[in-house]
Amino acid sequence: MVGHGREAFACELGRDVITWGGIQGSRPVPFLLLGIVAIGWAGFSLISGKGYYKGCPPGGYDRAEHPFYFWVPTMIILGIGVCMILIFMGVIRLPSR
């Protein structure tokens, strides 16, 4: 370690972060990956008409039989995915550490 204490630890952490250094500058790639996964999961649920979430019955929640248990988690997961993509693109700014 170069220095002592908290500053040296922060420098160590800063070098190991995976970033995308393209036109947008350096943005953490995990936001992009999590956004794609969340949108894919919600999209699969919308296309198949079955919601596969924790605690669901075998075969998932059906869109017609259990509308609340299908639509609420699907929209929340879709919203999280869109927010993650917007954070990656720099539209939503996170507070600095």
Protein backbone atom coordinates (compact mmCIF):
# COMPACT_ATOMS: atom_id res chain seq x y z
CA MET A 1 0.00 0.00 0.00
CA VAL A 2 1.24 3.45 -0.89
CA GLY A 3 -0.14 5.45 2.03
CA HIS A 4 -1.63 4.82 5.38
CA GLY A 5 -5.21 4.48 6.51
CA ARG A 6 -8.40 5.22 4.69
CA GLU A 7 -6.93 7.08 1.66
CA ALA A 8 -4.69 4.17 0.68
CA PHE A 9 -7.60 1.75 0.99
CA ALA A 10 -9.76 3.96 -1.27
CA CYS A 11 -6.97 4.05 -3.88
CA GLU A 12 -6.73 0.26 -3.78
CA LEU A 13 -10.47 -0.10 -4.35
CA GLY A 14 -10.53 2.51 -7.12
CA ARG A 15 -8.10 0.62 -9.34
CA ASP A 16 -10.03 -2.66 -9.22
CA VAL A 17 -13.42 -1.33 -10.39
CA ILE A 18 -14.54 -2.65 -13.78
CA THR A 19 -15.42 0.33 -15.98
CA TRP A 20 -16.39 1.05 -19.55
CA GLY A 21 -14.10 3.78 -20.83
CA GLY A 22 -15.89 4.59 -24.06
CA ILE A 23 -17.41 7.82 -25.32
CA GLN A 24 -19.49 8.15 -22.16
CA GLY A 25 -16.44 8.27 -19.90
CA SER A 26 -15.92 5.67 -17.21
CA ARG A 27 -19.18 4.08 -16.08
CA PRO A 28 -19.47 0.93 -13.94
CA VAL A 29 -20.35 -2.01 -16.18
CA PRO A 30 -22.34 -3.87 -13.46
CA PHE A 31 -25.12 -1.26 -13.85
CA LEU A 32 -25.40 -2.15 -17.54
CA LEU A 33 -25.36 -5.89 -16.89
CA LEU A 34 -27.92 -5.73 -14.07
CA GLY A 35 -30.14 -3.52 -16.22
CA ILE A 36 -30.06 -5.96 -19.12
CA VAL A 37 -30.81 -8.91 -16.82
CA ALA A 38 -33.72 -7.13 -15.11
CA ILE A 39 -35.28 -5.99 -18.40
CA GLY A 40 -34.84 -9.51 -19.81
CA TRP A 41 -36.49 -11.09 -16.76
CA ALA A 42 -39.45 -8.71 -16.87
CA GLY A 43 -39.71 -9.09 -20.65
CA PHE A 44 -39.76 -12.88 -20.38
CA SER A 45 -42.53 -12.65 -17.78
CA LEU A 46 -44.56 -10.32 -20.01
CA ILE A 47 -44.12 -12.51 -23.09
CA SER A 48 -44.82 -15.82 -21.34
CA GLY A 49 -47.65 -14.47 -19.18
CA LYS A 50 -46.19 -16.20 -16.10
CA GLY A 51 -44.36 -14.44 -13.30
CA TYR A 52 -41.58 -16.49 -11.74
CA TYR A 53 -40.77 -14.80 -8.45
CA LYS A 54 -39.73 -15.96 -4.99
CA GLY A 55 -42.55 -17.74 -3.21
CA CYS A 56 -44.62 -18.28 -6.33
CA PRO A 57 -46.56 -21.49 -6.92
CA PRO A 58 -45.15 -24.11 -9.29
CA GLY A 59 -45.54 -22.77 -12.82
CA GLY A 60 -45.45 -19.14 -11.71
CA TYR A 61 -48.17 -16.55 -11.15
CA ASP A 62 -50.54 -16.38 -14.09
CA ARG A 63 -51.41 -12.97 -15.51
CA ALA A 64 -55.16 -13.73 -15.55
CA GLU A 65 -55.55 -15.69 -12.30
CA HIS A 66 -53.30 -13.55 -10.04
CA PRO A 67 -53.04 -10.11 -11.64
CA PHE A 68 -51.66 -8.32 -8.56
CA TYR A 69 -48.95 -10.90 -7.89
CA PHE A 70 -47.96 -10.82 -11.56
CA TRP A 71 -48.06 -7.12 -12.46
CA VAL A 72 -46.55 -5.51 -9.34
CA PRO A 73 -43.27 -7.48 -9.26
CA THR A 74 -42.97 -7.36 -13.06
CA MET A 75 -43.29 -3.57 -13.16
CA ILE A 76 -40.88 -3.14 -10.23
CA ILE A 77 -38.26 -5.33 -11.91
CA LEU A 78 -38.77 -3.51 -15.23
CA GLY A 79 -38.38 -0.14 -13.48
CA ILE A 80 -35.19 -1.25 -11.76
CA GLY A 81 -33.79 -2.41 -15.10
CA VAL A 82 -34.58 0.88 -16.83
CA CYS A 83 -33.05 2.86 -13.95
CA MET A 84 -29.87 0.75 -14.08
CA ILE A 85 -29.50 1.40 -17.82
CA LEU A 86 -30.08 5.14 -17.29
CA ILE A 87 -27.44 5.18 -14.53
CA PHE A 88 -24.98 3.47 -16.88
CA MET A 89 -25.72 5.99 -19.64
CA GLY A 90 -25.22 8.91 -17.24
CA VAL A 91 -28.80 10.22 -17.38
CA ILE A 92 -29.28 9.51 -13.66
CA ARG A 93 -26.35 10.64 -11.56
CA LEU A 94 -25.42 8.85 -8.36
CA PRO A 95 -24.01 10.83 -5.43
CA SER A 96 -20.23 10.72 -5.20
CA ARG A 97 -18.68 8.60 -2.48
